[in-house]
Protein backbone atom coordinates (compact mmCIF):
# COMPACT_ATOMS: atom_id res chain seq x y z
CA MET A 1 11.67 -13.93 7.49
CA GLU A 2 9.06 -15.32 5.16
CA ASN A 3 10.26 -16.62 1.79
CA TYR A 4 8.15 -14.04 0.01
CA LEU A 5 10.22 -11.29 1.64
CA ARG A 6 13.38 -12.71 0.05
CA GLY A 7 13.73 -9.55 -2.09
CA ALA A 8 14.08 -7.47 1.07
CA THR A 9 17.75 -6.51 1.06
CA ALA A 10 19.41 -4.74 3.99
CA ASP A 11 18.96 -1.43 2.13
CA ILE A 12 15.25 -2.07 1.60
CA LEU A 13 14.76 -3.03 5.25
CA GLU A 14 16.57 0.14 6.33
CA LYS A 15 14.26 2.27 4.16
CA ALA A 16 11.20 0.41 5.45
CA LYS A 17 12.31 0.90 9.06
CA ARG A 18 11.87 4.69 8.73
CA ILE A 19 8.26 4.45 7.55
CA LYS A 20 5.54 6.21 9.55
CA LEU A 21 2.97 6.35 6.74
CA LEU A 22 1.99 3.72 4.16
CA ILE A 23 -0.16 4.93 1.26
CA THR A 24 -1.45 2.75 -1.52
CA ASP A 25 -3.18 3.00 -4.85
CA VAL A 26 -6.26 0.77 -5.17
CA ASP A 27 -6.83 -0.60 -8.67
CA GLY A 28 -3.99 -2.98 -9.42
CA VAL A 29 -2.71 -3.00 -5.82
CA LEU A 30 -5.62 -3.71 -3.46
CA THR A 31 -7.50 -5.27 -6.40
CA ASP A 32 -6.37 -7.19 -9.45
CA GLY A 33 -7.18 -4.12 -11.53
CA GLY A 34 -10.40 -5.54 -12.90
CA ILE A 35 -13.68 -3.67 -12.74
CA ILE A 36 -16.98 -5.47 -13.16
CA TYR A 37 -20.21 -3.64 -14.00
CA ASP A 38 -23.59 -5.32 -13.95
CA ASP A 39 -26.44 -4.48 -16.34
CA ASN A 40 -27.53 -1.67 -14.02
CA GLY A 41 -24.10 -0.04 -14.02
CA ILE A 42 -23.29 -1.21 -10.47
CA GLU A 43 -19.56 -1.58 -9.93
CA TYR A 44 -17.97 -4.62 -8.28
CA LYS A 45 -14.40 -5.14 -7.14
CA ARG A 46 -12.66 -8.04 -5.46
CA PHE A 47 -10.38 -7.36 -2.50
CA ASN A 48 -8.01 -9.77 -0.75
CA VAL A 49 -8.90 -10.23 2.92
CA LYS A 50 -5.21 -10.84 3.77
CA ASP A 51 -4.35 -7.37 2.49
CA GLY A 52 -7.02 -5.88 4.71
CA GLN A 53 -5.99 -7.87 7.78
CA ILE A 54 -2.60 -6.15 8.11
CA VAL A 55 -4.08 -2.63 8.29
CA GLN A 56 -5.05 -2.95 11.95
CA TYR A 57 -1.57 -4.18 12.91
CA LEU A 58 0.15 -1.35 11.07
CA ARG A 59 -2.12 1.22 12.72
CA SER A 60 -1.82 -0.28 16.21
CA ASN A 61 1.96 -0.02 15.84
CA GLY A 62 1.94 3.67 14.96
CA ILE A 63 2.04 3.41 11.18
CA ARG A 64 -0.68 5.42 9.48
CA VAL A 65 -2.34 3.89 6.44
CA GLY A 66 -4.07 5.67 3.58
CA VAL A 67 -5.28 5.54 0.00
CA ILE A 68 -4.84 7.90 -2.92
CA SER A 69 -6.85 6.62 -5.87
CA GLY A 70 -7.36 8.05 -9.32
CA ARG A 71 -10.84 6.56 -9.54
CA ASN A 72 -13.87 7.67 -7.59
CA SER A 73 -15.58 4.49 -6.46
CA GLN A 74 -18.14 3.98 -3.70
CA VAL A 75 -17.08 0.34 -3.44
CA VAL A 76 -13.53 1.44 -2.61
CA LYS A 77 -14.75 4.08 -0.15
CA ASN A 78 -16.76 1.40 1.63
CA ARG A 79 -13.74 -0.92 1.84
CA CYS A 80 -11.49 1.86 3.17
CA ASP A 81 -14.05 2.74 5.82
CA GLU A 82 -14.46 -0.91 6.77
CA LEU A 83 -10.70 -1.32 7.25
CA LYS A 84 -10.47 1.99 9.15
CA PHE A 85 -7.82 3.55 6.92
CA ASP A 86 -6.58 6.80 8.46
CA PHE A 87 -7.60 8.61 5.27
CA HIS A 88 -8.63 7.87 1.70
CA PHE A 89 -8.83 10.20 -1.27
CA HIS A 90 -10.65 9.25 -4.47
CA GLY A 91 -10.80 10.72 -7.98
CA ILE A 92 -7.38 12.30 -7.57
CA ALA A 93 -5.76 13.21 -10.91
CA GLU A 94 -2.67 14.84 -9.34
CA LYS A 95 -1.58 12.23 -6.82
CA GLY A 96 1.73 13.97 -6.12
CA LEU A 97 -0.03 17.19 -5.07
CA GLN A 98 -2.38 15.24 -2.78
CA LEU A 99 0.60 13.53 -1.17
CA GLU A 100 2.26 16.89 -0.47
CA LYS A 101 -0.87 18.09 1.33
CA ILE A 102 -1.03 14.91 3.41
CA LEU A 103 2.62 15.10 4.43
CA VAL A 104 2.29 18.73 5.51
CA GLU A 105 -0.87 18.00 7.49
CA LEU A 106 0.68 15.00 9.26
CA ALA A 107 4.15 16.60 9.67
CA ILE A 108 5.78 13.61 7.96
CA ASN A 109 8.58 13.91 5.42
CA TYR A 110 8.98 11.98 2.18
CA GLN A 111 11.59 9.65 3.70
CA GLU A 112 9.05 8.52 6.31
CA CYS A 113 6.43 7.73 3.68
CA ALA A 114 5.94 4.53 1.66
CA PHE A 115 3.76 4.16 -1.41
CA ILE A 116 2.58 1.11 -3.35
CA GLY A 117 1.57 1.68 -6.96
CA ASP A 118 1.36 -0.16 -10.24
CA ASP A 119 0.74 2.28 -13.07
CA ILE A 120 1.93 5.46 -14.76
CA TRP A 121 -0.22 7.75 -12.55
CA ASP A 122 1.67 6.49 -9.50
CA LEU A 123 5.14 7.50 -10.74
CA PRO A 124 5.03 11.07 -9.34
CA ILE A 125 4.72 9.57 -5.86
CA LEU A 126 6.79 6.41 -6.30
CA THR A 127 9.82 8.43 -7.35
CA LYS A 128 9.66 10.77 -4.32
CA VAL A 129 8.85 8.66 -1.25
CA GLY A 130 11.37 7.06 1.07
CA PHE A 131 10.19 3.55 0.27
CA SER A 132 8.37 2.62 -2.94
CA ALA A 133 6.86 -0.72 -3.89
CA ALA A 134 4.91 -2.33 -6.70
CA PRO A 135 3.00 -5.59 -7.15
CA ALA A 136 4.56 -8.34 -9.28
CA ASP A 137 2.18 -7.54 -12.14
CA ALA A 138 2.85 -3.79 -12.23
CA LEU A 139 3.91 -2.30 -15.52
CA PRO A 140 7.59 -2.93 -16.29
CA TYR A 141 8.57 0.75 -16.27
CA VAL A 142 6.98 1.11 -12.83
CA LYS A 143 8.82 -1.94 -11.44
CA GLU A 144 12.11 -0.49 -12.74
CA ARG A 145 11.61 2.65 -10.64
CA VAL A 146 10.64 1.25 -7.23
CA ASP A 147 12.66 0.01 -4.27
CA PHE A 148 10.78 -3.25 -3.84
CA VAL A 149 8.74 -5.45 -6.18
CA SER A 150 6.42 -7.87 -4.44
CA VAL A 151 6.42 -11.48 -5.53
CA LEU A 152 2.63 -11.23 -5.29
CA SER A 153 0.28 -9.55 -7.75
CA GLY A 154 -2.22 -6.78 -7.14
CA GLY A 155 -5.26 -8.09 -5.29
CA LYS A 156 -3.31 -11.23 -4.39
CA GLY A 157 -1.45 -10.06 -1.29
CA ALA A 158 1.06 -7.46 -2.54
CA PHE A 159 -0.18 -4.88 -0.01
CA ARG A 160 0.08 -7.48 2.77
CA GLU A 161 3.63 -8.33 1.77
CA VAL A 162 4.68 -4.69 1.99
CA GLY A 163 2.89 -4.27 5.32
CA ASP A 164 4.63 -7.38 6.67
CA LEU A 165 7.95 -6.09 5.37
CA ILE A 166 7.54 -2.74 7.15
CA LEU A 167 6.57 -4.45 10.41
CA THR A 168 9.47 -6.90 10.04
CA SER A 169 11.96 -4.08 9.45
CA LYS A 170 10.91 -2.52 12.75
CA GLY A 171 11.06 -5.83 14.63
CA LEU A 172 7.29 -5.77 15.15
CA LEU A 173 5.94 -8.68 13.10
CA ASP A 174 7.40 -11.55 15.14
CA PRO A 175 5.96 -10.21 18.44
CA ILE A 176 2.52 -9.88 16.78
CA ILE A 177 2.75 -13.49 15.56
CA GLN A 178 3.95 -14.70 18.98
CA GLN A 179 1.13 -12.90 20.77
CA LEU A 180 -1.49 -14.36 18.46
CA SER A 181 0.04 -17.85 18.72
CA ASN A 182 -0.29 -18.03 22.51
């Protein structure tokens, strides 16, 4: 197991093994939380390509991947479409209510759902799902309430680390690596 998964205890791996759905926040998880506007009001965000790379491997191994974001951003919508997320919801003030709708629609229970978040708006989901995670630079009171804290920051590979952890817990990451190494 990679050194950066060193915080993955047996209990964490057992929780991750049950996951059928991984949902993430965007700002502060898939990005570093920064927002850049140019003089014309055009928004820019920086995403980590390593975070995006794991989406296809999660999906091809039966793990659905989605986004619930509090902000409504065309840049984020474009990135979610590019990565072929199973779903993405933007401008969601009540993230917990949106999660309930998703779980009913997909016939997945809370224990089979993972969420990665970094801020106060994410707590209603982080405290309910079967496996919760936060980037290293999440707010302290968020990190205190999750199952796993990444050693990596938002926009720096935290999503990838959680994706790798879920695949590892199911015994799927090593075969992917072996296949790509041959």
